[in-house]
Amino acid sequence: MIMFLKSLLSDGHDGSWSSKRVVTFSAFILCAVAFVCDMFFGKTITPHLFDSMMYIVIAGLGFTASEKFSTIK
């Protein structure tokens, strides 16, 4: 499990941790926790805060996906 997580968060060039992937994964986890808290525990999350975290996830996934098509190494 640890090796899978390390390979998920590392870049494809030299195997070091990618800050874009770490921030995106962290924002995704926080959005998932906020969703679960809202759904099952009745805790309301400020919509503006949730939307901003969701935009970070969307942008991070877009930037990470665009790395695959980049010719700059």
Protein backbone atom coordinates (compact mmCIF):
# COMPACT_ATOMS: atom_id res chain seq x y z
CA MET A 1 0.00 0.00 0.00
CA ILE A 2 2.83 2.41 0.84
CA MET A 3 4.58 1.69 -2.46
CA PHE A 4 1.34 2.31 -4.37
CA LEU A 5 0.86 5.65 -2.62
CA LYS A 6 4.48 6.65 -3.27
CA SER A 7 4.17 5.78 -6.96
CA LEU A 8 0.87 7.67 -7.14
CA LEU A 9 2.36 10.86 -5.71
CA SER A 10 5.75 10.80 -7.44
CA ASP A 11 6.47 12.26 -10.84
CA GLY A 12 7.46 10.08 -13.75
CA HIS A 13 10.87 11.61 -14.37
CA ASP A 14 13.11 10.98 -11.38
CA GLY A 15 10.77 9.39 -8.83
CA SER A 16 10.67 12.35 -6.44
CA TRP A 17 7.45 13.53 -4.86
CA SER A 18 5.48 15.94 -7.03
CA SER A 19 4.14 18.91 -5.08
CA LYS A 20 1.24 19.28 -7.52
CA ARG A 21 0.17 15.71 -6.89
CA VAL A 22 0.57 15.95 -3.12
CA VAL A 23 -1.49 19.16 -2.92
CA THR A 24 -4.14 17.74 -5.26
CA PHE A 25 -4.38 14.49 -3.30
CA SER A 26 -4.58 16.39 0.01
CA ALA A 27 -7.34 18.65 -1.32
CA PHE A 28 -9.22 15.58 -2.61
CA ILE A 29 -9.00 13.91 0.80
CA LEU A 30 -10.28 17.08 2.50
CA CYS A 31 -13.21 17.31 0.04
CA ALA A 32 -14.04 13.65 0.65
CA VAL A 33 -13.95 14.14 4.43
CA ALA A 34 -16.17 17.23 4.12
CA PHE A 35 -18.63 15.29 1.98
CA VAL A 36 -18.78 12.41 4.47
CA CYS A 37 -19.19 14.80 7.41
CA ASP A 38 -22.00 16.61 5.64
CA MET A 39 -23.70 13.41 4.51
CA PHE A 40 -23.55 11.28 7.65
CA PHE A 41 -22.84 13.56 10.60
CA GLY A 42 -24.90 16.63 9.71
CA LYS A 43 -21.93 19.01 9.87
CA THR A 44 -22.41 21.77 7.35
CA ILE A 45 -19.42 22.96 5.37
CA THR A 46 -19.24 26.50 4.01
CA PRO A 47 -20.04 26.21 0.29
CA HIS A 48 -17.35 28.72 -0.67
CA LEU A 49 -14.70 26.72 1.16
CA PHE A 50 -15.80 23.45 -0.39
CA ASP A 51 -15.94 25.01 -3.87
CA SER A 52 -12.43 26.44 -3.54
CA MET A 53 -11.04 23.05 -2.49
CA MET A 54 -12.88 21.42 -5.37
CA TYR A 55 -11.33 23.91 -7.82
CA ILE A 56 -7.88 23.08 -6.45
CA VAL A 57 -8.55 19.40 -7.11
CA ILE A 58 -9.84 20.07 -10.63
CA ALA A 59 -6.90 22.32 -11.52
CA GLY A 60 -4.39 19.91 -10.01
CA LEU A 61 -5.78 16.99 -11.97
CA GLY A 62 -5.68 19.08 -15.15
CA PHE A 63 -2.08 20.15 -14.60
CA THR A 64 -1.02 16.62 -13.71
CA ALA A 65 -2.73 15.21 -16.81
CA SER A 66 -1.12 17.84 -19.02
CA GLU A 67 2.35 16.71 -17.85
CA LYS A 68 1.87 13.52 -19.85
CA PHE A 69 1.68 15.51 -23.09
CA SER A 70 4.53 17.90 -22.35
CA THR A 71 7.79 17.53 -24.26
CA ILE A 72 9.78 19.44 -21.63
CA LYS A 73 11.52 17.04 -19.28
